[in-house]
Protein backbone atom coordinates (compact mmCIF):
# COMPACT_ATOMS: atom_id res chain seq x y z
CA MET A 1 -71.51 -28.01 -150.63
CA PRO A 2 -71.11 -24.50 -149.00
CA LYS A 3 -70.16 -26.23 -145.86
CA VAL A 4 -67.67 -28.33 -147.85
CA LYS A 5 -66.39 -25.39 -149.51
CA GLN A 6 -66.08 -23.44 -146.05
CA ASN A 7 -64.47 -26.29 -144.02
CA VAL A 8 -61.67 -26.74 -146.53
CA THR A 9 -58.90 -24.47 -146.40
CA LEU A 10 -55.57 -24.30 -148.02
CA SER A 11 -52.60 -21.69 -147.37
CA ARG A 12 -52.02 -18.80 -149.92
CA GLU A 13 -48.43 -19.75 -149.68
CA PHE A 14 -46.89 -22.87 -148.27
CA GLN A 15 -46.07 -21.98 -144.81
CA TRP A 16 -44.90 -24.68 -142.37
CA GLN A 17 -43.53 -24.72 -138.72
CA GLU A 18 -41.05 -27.21 -137.42
CA ILE A 19 -42.26 -29.58 -134.64
CA PRO A 20 -39.76 -30.69 -132.01
CA GLU A 21 -39.66 -34.37 -131.51
CA ALA A 22 -41.12 -34.38 -127.80
CA SER A 23 -44.10 -31.98 -129.18
CA LEU A 24 -45.36 -34.85 -131.70
CA SER A 25 -48.62 -36.52 -130.79
CA PRO A 26 -48.64 -40.04 -129.72
CA LEU A 27 -50.13 -41.29 -132.67
CA ALA A 28 -47.50 -39.42 -134.83
CA GLN A 29 -44.65 -41.09 -132.52
CA SER A 30 -46.09 -44.46 -133.38
CA PHE A 31 -46.19 -43.86 -137.09
CA PHE A 32 -42.82 -42.15 -137.41
CA LYS A 33 -41.43 -44.99 -135.60
CA THR A 34 -42.43 -47.43 -138.12
CA ALA A 35 -41.71 -44.94 -141.11
CA ASP A 36 -38.03 -44.92 -139.30
CA ALA A 37 -37.84 -48.92 -139.30
CA GLY A 38 -38.76 -48.96 -143.00
CA ALA A 39 -36.67 -45.92 -144.42
CA ALA A 40 -33.18 -46.58 -142.59
CA PRO A 41 -32.81 -49.99 -145.14
CA LEU A 42 -33.62 -47.56 -148.00
CA PHE A 43 -30.99 -45.18 -146.79
CA PHE A 44 -33.30 -42.53 -145.68
CA ARG A 45 -32.79 -40.51 -142.44
CA PRO A 46 -35.28 -38.44 -140.58
CA ILE A 47 -34.12 -34.92 -140.98
CA LEU A 48 -36.80 -32.79 -139.97
CA ASN A 49 -40.45 -32.83 -138.46
CA PHE A 50 -42.96 -29.92 -139.26
CA GLN A 51 -46.63 -29.21 -139.98
CA MET A 52 -48.18 -27.01 -142.67
CA LEU A 53 -50.19 -23.78 -141.43
CA GLY A 54 -53.57 -23.01 -142.96
CA TYR A 55 -55.21 -26.27 -143.09
CA ARG A 56 -58.05 -27.19 -140.64
CA ILE A 57 -56.89 -30.80 -140.45
CA PRO A 58 -54.06 -31.04 -138.08
CA THR A 59 -51.02 -32.58 -140.00
CA GLU A 60 -47.46 -33.94 -138.97
CA ILE A 61 -44.88 -34.43 -141.40
CA ARG A 62 -41.45 -35.93 -141.26
CA LEU A 63 -39.03 -35.27 -144.01
CA TYR A 64 -36.24 -38.05 -144.92
CA TYR A 65 -33.14 -37.49 -146.73
CA ASN A 66 -30.96 -40.00 -148.94
CA ASP A 67 -27.16 -39.04 -149.49
CA GLN A 68 -27.49 -41.38 -152.25
CA ALA A 69 -30.42 -40.40 -154.51
CA ALA A 70 -32.24 -37.36 -155.96
CA THR A 71 -35.18 -38.61 -154.15
CA GLY A 72 -37.06 -37.17 -151.07
CA LEU A 73 -39.47 -39.05 -148.82
CA LEU A 74 -42.39 -37.70 -146.82
CA ALA A 75 -44.09 -39.60 -144.10
CA SER A 76 -47.32 -37.94 -142.98
CA ILE A 77 -50.05 -38.31 -140.76
CA PHE A 78 -53.35 -36.30 -141.10
CA ARG A 79 -55.21 -36.53 -137.82
CA ALA A 80 -58.80 -36.15 -138.98
CA ALA A 81 -62.02 -37.84 -137.38
CA GLN A 82 -60.62 -41.15 -139.25
CA PRO A 83 -56.76 -40.57 -139.18
CA LEU A 84 -54.89 -41.11 -142.09
CA THR A 85 -51.18 -42.04 -142.75
CA VAL A 86 -48.91 -41.56 -146.13
CA PHE A 87 -46.02 -42.33 -147.38
CA GLU A 88 -44.67 -40.29 -150.57
CA PHE A 89 -41.62 -40.48 -152.63
CA THR A 90 -40.71 -37.44 -154.92
CA THR A 91 -37.87 -36.90 -157.73
CA ARG A 92 -37.66 -33.73 -159.21
CA PHE A 93 -36.04 -33.32 -162.81
CA ALA A 94 -33.83 -30.72 -164.51
CA ASP A 95 -36.96 -29.59 -166.34
CA ASP A 96 -38.93 -28.75 -163.62
CA SER A 97 -41.12 -31.71 -163.53
CA GLU A 98 -41.68 -34.37 -160.84
CA VAL A 99 -42.24 -38.07 -160.35
CA ASP A 100 -44.33 -38.30 -157.25
CA THR A 101 -45.42 -41.78 -155.86
CA SER A 102 -47.37 -42.29 -152.64
CA ASN A 103 -49.51 -44.98 -150.94
CA SER A 104 -52.31 -42.36 -150.12
CA PRO A 105 -55.71 -44.03 -149.80
CA MET A 106 -57.47 -41.01 -150.85
CA SER A 107 -58.41 -39.72 -154.77
CA GLY A 108 -57.29 -36.29 -155.39
CA VAL A 109 -59.51 -33.57 -155.88
CA PHE A 110 -56.84 -31.47 -157.71
CA ARG A 111 -56.29 -31.20 -161.23
CA LYS A 112 -52.80 -32.46 -162.22
CA PRO A 113 -50.07 -30.02 -163.89
CA ALA A 114 -48.61 -31.46 -166.45
CA TRP A 115 -45.29 -31.24 -164.67
CA VAL A 116 -46.41 -33.58 -162.02
CA LEU A 117 -46.23 -37.08 -162.95
CA SER A 118 -48.05 -38.62 -159.71
CA GLU A 119 -49.44 -42.13 -159.21
CA ARG A 120 -51.02 -43.89 -156.15
CA PHE A 121 -50.71 -47.30 -154.88
CA PRO A 122 -53.30 -47.47 -151.99
CA GLY A 123 -52.84 -51.11 -151.40
CA VAL A 124 -48.90 -50.90 -150.94
CA THR A 125 -48.14 -50.53 -147.33
CA ASP A 126 -44.58 -51.83 -147.39
CA LEU A 127 -42.18 -48.97 -147.75
CA ARG A 128 -39.45 -50.94 -149.81
CA ALA A 129 -42.10 -51.94 -152.25
CA LEU A 130 -43.19 -48.58 -152.69
CA PHE A 131 -39.93 -47.38 -153.19
CA GLU A 132 -39.20 -49.65 -155.77
CA LYS A 133 -42.33 -48.74 -157.73
CA HIS A 134 -41.08 -45.06 -157.54
CA ARG A 135 -37.69 -46.10 -158.63
CA ALA A 136 -39.15 -47.76 -161.76
CA ARG A 137 -41.22 -44.80 -162.66
CA VAL A 138 -38.03 -42.38 -162.35
CA GLU A 139 -35.95 -45.07 -164.46
CA ALA A 140 -38.79 -45.04 -166.85
CA ARG A 141 -38.52 -41.09 -166.90
CA LYS A 142 -34.80 -41.14 -167.13
CA ALA A 143 -34.62 -43.31 -170.30
CA GLN A 144 -37.13 -40.86 -172.12
CA GLY A 145 -33.85 -38.34 -171.64
CA PHE A 146 -34.86 -36.48 -168.59
CA GLU A 147 -32.02 -36.39 -165.76
CA PRO A 148 -32.97 -36.00 -162.02
CA ARG A 149 -31.99 -32.97 -160.23
CA PHE A 150 -30.04 -33.70 -156.89
CA GLN A 151 -31.49 -31.65 -153.75
CA PRO A 152 -29.30 -30.24 -151.36
CA LEU A 153 -29.97 -30.93 -147.73
CA ASP A 154 -30.04 -27.18 -146.97
CA LYS A 155 -32.70 -26.29 -149.84
CA LEU A 156 -35.30 -29.39 -149.26
CA MET A 157 -37.75 -27.09 -147.83
CA ASP A 158 -37.11 -24.50 -150.32
CA GLU A 159 -37.88 -27.13 -153.17
CA ILE A 160 -41.04 -28.30 -151.45
CA LYS A 161 -42.28 -24.66 -151.02
CA ARG A 162 -41.34 -23.85 -154.64
CA SER A 163 -43.38 -26.86 -155.81
CA GLN A 164 -46.31 -26.53 -153.50
CA ASP A 165 -46.72 -22.88 -154.38
CA ARG A 166 -46.50 -23.44 -158.15
CA GLN A 167 -49.02 -26.19 -157.67
CA VAL A 168 -51.69 -23.98 -155.72
CA GLN A 169 -51.19 -21.38 -158.35
CA TYR A 170 -51.74 -23.85 -161.23
CA GLN A 171 -55.37 -24.84 -159.33
CA VAL A 172 -56.23 -20.87 -159.19
CA GLU A 173 -55.74 -20.55 -162.59
CA GLN A 174 -57.61 -23.62 -163.57
CA GLY A 175 -60.78 -22.37 -161.00
CA VAL A 176 -60.71 -25.22 -158.51
CA ILE A 177 -59.70 -22.73 -155.56
CA ARG A 178 -60.84 -19.37 -154.62
CA LEU A 179 -59.35 -16.81 -152.50
CA ASP A 180 -60.95 -15.34 -149.34
CA GLN A 181 -59.21 -12.07 -148.99
CA ALA A 182 -60.53 -11.69 -145.64
CA ALA A 183 -58.97 -14.81 -144.11
CA ASN A 184 -55.96 -14.69 -146.60
CA LEU A 185 -57.00 -18.40 -147.46
CA TYR A 186 -58.07 -20.56 -150.49
CA HIS A 187 -61.31 -22.69 -150.34
CA PRO A 188 -62.52 -25.09 -152.92
CA ALA A 189 -64.50 -24.01 -155.96
CA ASN A 190 -67.29 -25.56 -157.32
CA PRO A 191 -65.09 -28.10 -159.15
CA MET A 192 -62.99 -29.28 -156.24
CA ALA A 193 -66.17 -29.23 -154.22
CA LEU A 194 -68.09 -31.76 -156.54
CA LYS A 195 -65.32 -33.85 -156.92
CA GLY A 196 -64.83 -34.14 -153.48
CA ILE A 197 -68.41 -34.92 -152.74
CA GLY A 198 -67.80 -37.45 -156.20
CA ASN A 199 -65.17 -39.31 -154.48
CA PHE A 200 -67.02 -39.70 -151.15
CA ILE A 201 -69.93 -41.42 -152.74
CA ASN A 202 -68.14 -43.36 -155.56
CA PRO A 203 -67.11 -46.86 -154.33
CA LEU A 204 -64.19 -47.01 -156.93
CA ALA A 205 -62.56 -44.14 -155.48
CA ASP A 206 -59.79 -43.83 -152.72
CA ASP A 207 -58.96 -47.17 -151.11
CA PHE A 208 -60.34 -49.06 -154.07
CA THR A 209 -57.92 -51.98 -155.90
CA LEU A 210 -58.73 -54.93 -157.71
CA PRO A 211 -57.23 -57.19 -155.35
CA ARG A 212 -59.44 -55.68 -152.32
CA LEU A 213 -62.56 -55.72 -154.61
CA LEU A 214 -62.11 -59.27 -155.13
CA LEU A 215 -61.20 -59.95 -151.25
CA GLY A 216 -64.21 -57.84 -150.54
CA LEU A 217 -66.58 -59.69 -152.84
CA GLY A 218 -65.27 -63.15 -151.63
CA LEU A 219 -65.70 -62.36 -147.89
CA GLY A 220 -68.91 -60.63 -148.10
CA LEU A 221 -70.99 -62.36 -150.44
CA GLY A 222 -69.67 -65.76 -148.81
CA LEU A 223 -70.57 -64.53 -145.22
CA THR A 224 -74.08 -63.10 -146.10
CA LEU A 225 -75.16 -65.91 -148.53
CA GLY A 226 -73.68 -68.62 -146.19
CA GLY A 227 -75.20 -67.41 -143.50
CA VAL A 228 -78.47 -67.18 -145.07
CA TRP A 229 -78.09 -70.53 -146.18
CA LEU A 230 -77.08 -71.96 -142.58
CA ALA A 231 -79.77 -70.17 -140.76
CA ASP A 232 -82.32 -72.38 -143.21
CA PHE A 233 -80.32 -75.63 -142.82
CA MET A 234 -80.23 -75.21 -139.34
CA GLY A 235 -83.84 -74.51 -139.04
CA TRP A 236 -83.31 -71.11 -137.04
CA LEU A 237 -86.36 -69.53 -137.89
CA ASP A 238 -88.64 -72.12 -136.20
CA HIS A 239 -86.06 -72.75 -133.22
CA PHE A 240 -86.24 -69.10 -132.48
CA HIS A 241 -90.06 -68.94 -133.07
CA GLN A 242 -90.42 -71.59 -130.26
CA GLU A 243 -87.93 -70.04 -127.83
CA TRP A 244 -89.71 -66.52 -128.30
CA PRO A 245 -93.22 -66.92 -129.30
CA SER A 246 -94.02 -63.32 -128.69
CA PHE A 247 -91.68 -62.13 -130.96
CA THR A 248 -92.76 -61.05 -134.48
CA PRO A 249 -91.79 -62.88 -137.94
CA ALA A 250 -89.72 -59.82 -138.73
CA ARG A 251 -87.72 -59.89 -135.54
CA ILE A 252 -87.25 -63.51 -135.72
CA ALA A 253 -85.93 -63.16 -139.31
CA LEU A 254 -83.54 -60.87 -138.06
CA LEU A 255 -82.19 -62.98 -135.12
CA ALA A 256 -82.04 -65.93 -137.47
CA TYR A 257 -79.88 -64.17 -140.51
CA ALA A 258 -78.38 -61.37 -138.94
CA PRO A 259 -75.25 -63.02 -137.79
CA GLY A 260 -73.69 -63.28 -141.59
CA PHE A 261 -74.53 -60.04 -142.38
CA VAL A 262 -72.72 -58.72 -139.27
CA LEU A 263 -69.75 -60.64 -139.92
CA ALA A 264 -69.84 -59.61 -143.65
CA GLY A 265 -69.81 -55.95 -142.62
CA LEU A 266 -66.91 -56.13 -140.28
CA ALA A 267 -64.79 -58.14 -142.91
CA VAL A 268 -65.67 -55.61 -145.65
CA GLY A 269 -64.92 -52.92 -143.56
CA TRP A 270 -61.61 -54.50 -142.83
CA VAL A 271 -60.94 -55.02 -146.66
CA PHE A 272 -61.96 -51.35 -147.32
CA PRO A 273 -60.52 -49.20 -144.40
CA ARG A 274 -62.23 -45.94 -145.78
CA LYS A 275 -65.26 -47.23 -147.74
CA GLY A 276 -66.73 -49.88 -145.36
CA LEU A 277 -70.07 -48.13 -145.04
CA LEU A 278 -70.76 -47.97 -149.04
CA TRP A 279 -69.01 -51.21 -149.79
CA GLY A 280 -71.00 -53.26 -146.71
CA PHE A 281 -74.20 -51.70 -148.15
CA LEU A 282 -73.51 -53.01 -151.58
CA ILE A 283 -71.97 -56.28 -151.18
CA SER A 284 -74.84 -57.39 -149.04
CA ILE A 285 -77.41 -56.57 -151.56
CA PRO A 286 -77.60 -60.04 -153.40
CA ALA A 287 -77.94 -61.78 -150.13
CA ALA A 288 -80.47 -59.30 -148.85
CA LEU A 289 -82.71 -59.77 -151.70
CA SER A 290 -82.48 -63.45 -151.63
CA LEU A 291 -83.63 -63.94 -148.21
CA PRO A 292 -86.55 -66.58 -148.15
CA ASN A 293 -88.48 -65.19 -145.52
CA GLU A 294 -91.09 -62.74 -146.68
CA LYS A 295 -91.06 -60.89 -143.34
CA ALA A 296 -87.05 -60.38 -143.66
CA ASP A 297 -86.74 -56.48 -144.70
CA PRO A 298 -83.58 -56.66 -147.38
CA ILE A 299 -82.86 -52.93 -146.65
CA LEU A 300 -82.68 -53.44 -142.76
CA PHE A 301 -80.23 -56.06 -143.64
CA SER A 302 -77.93 -54.08 -146.04
CA LEU A 303 -78.16 -50.91 -143.38
CA LEU A 304 -76.97 -53.62 -140.87
CA THR A 305 -73.79 -54.70 -142.90
CA ALA A 306 -73.00 -50.96 -143.81
CA LEU A 307 -73.14 -49.60 -140.17
CA PHE A 308 -70.88 -52.88 -139.50
CA GLY A 309 -68.48 -52.10 -142.33
CA HIS A 310 -68.36 -48.39 -140.54
CA ILE A 311 -67.59 -49.77 -137.15
CA ALA A 312 -64.71 -52.08 -138.46
CA ASN A 313 -63.44 -48.53 -140.24
CA THR A 314 -63.52 -46.94 -136.83
CA LEU A 315 -61.55 -49.92 -135.06
CA VAL A 316 -58.92 -50.50 -137.80
CA ALA A 317 -57.99 -46.65 -138.53
CA PRO A 318 -54.40 -45.85 -137.08
CA ALA A 319 -54.70 -44.56 -133.20
CA ALA A 320 -52.52 -44.05 -130.48
CA SER A 321 -53.02 -46.39 -127.35
CA GLY A 322 -55.18 -43.89 -125.37
CA GLU A 323 -57.34 -43.30 -128.25
CA ARG A 324 -58.18 -47.18 -128.76
CA PHE A 325 -60.70 -46.68 -125.80
CA LYS A 326 -62.64 -43.73 -127.39
CA ARG A 327 -63.00 -45.83 -130.69
CA ALA A 328 -64.34 -48.96 -128.73
CA ALA A 329 -66.68 -46.78 -127.06
CA THR A 330 -67.70 -44.83 -130.26
CA ALA A 331 -68.19 -48.44 -131.92
CA LEU A 332 -70.65 -49.39 -128.93
CA LEU A 333 -72.75 -46.37 -129.08
CA TYR A 334 -73.26 -46.95 -132.72
CA LEU A 335 -74.21 -50.91 -131.92
CA ALA A 336 -76.48 -49.47 -129.44
CA ALA A 337 -78.30 -47.16 -131.82
CA LEU A 338 -78.48 -50.29 -134.43
CA ILE A 339 -80.28 -52.23 -131.48
CA VAL A 340 -82.74 -49.70 -130.83
CA PHE A 341 -83.46 -49.27 -134.42
CA CYS A 342 -83.74 -52.90 -135.15
CA ILE A 343 -85.79 -53.44 -132.26
CA ILE A 344 -88.39 -50.56 -133.84
CA ARG A 345 -88.14 -51.57 -137.19
CA THR A 346 -88.94 -55.16 -136.51
CA ALA A 347 -91.85 -54.45 -133.93
CA TRP A 348 -94.69 -55.27 -136.85
């Protein structure tokens, strides 16, 4: 926990710096190009690229303006080890409340103030579909008698700063963050750090949705259980034993049953882009425990599925063209380490 608290920082006041178009990272250029194409039919036009100062994770943000609506749009890319892209619509009201709608796959770690009505739709990647969900929420708020407050173009960043500073102050009052006087930055207090750790190990946090769960269960269970059945039906255990009589029974079982677990891990990692490791392990348990060969190690097969789920996460994460080679090389290193582990694990 001390490392988590030290590595996460938050600026004492909202500070930002404009990013010229030519200075955007290749990853941001690619993402913003897609965002522009989706925003234009909704009458949102890009007006500013900026980054927030005081954060350890490099962040590039494009602000969009709609002349016809009291709604703003932010397209953000967080260039962490596993890059994260987020769309967020915001409508502010005359009573100083705001309705926020995003497709962030990450569960929040801050406490929600009463005036911020936020909702995540991590499974919605289409910008128009996300905007329709936001507009429905805004209309529901208007039906309660609250009127949106139009944001003049030259006041947009002031509105964002006021909102961010207000929310930071609320977190301070709630004891969620603490001030580092020397660095003039905020760090997480125990409640925020614990919630972040909880989100990391909670399979129902972050990018979880019911459709993803059903698809992940279908693919994961189907491939693992189907792979076990196919290996027995085809008699692969006897065939491999005849081909490699010097191999241990555990190694023969690994060769016969591994393909289904490998494919399941890749499929689950694709379904859950940020939780492939955890969901790969969990979904593989029924098939791993049902392996008919007594020399087959259930833990090994679950770890196999989990690691390939993580490899899939690495490969499907947003990346510029130059980063693809690095991602593939990383995946190969994971695979090499796994092969060595399996050889050692099945040596007896």
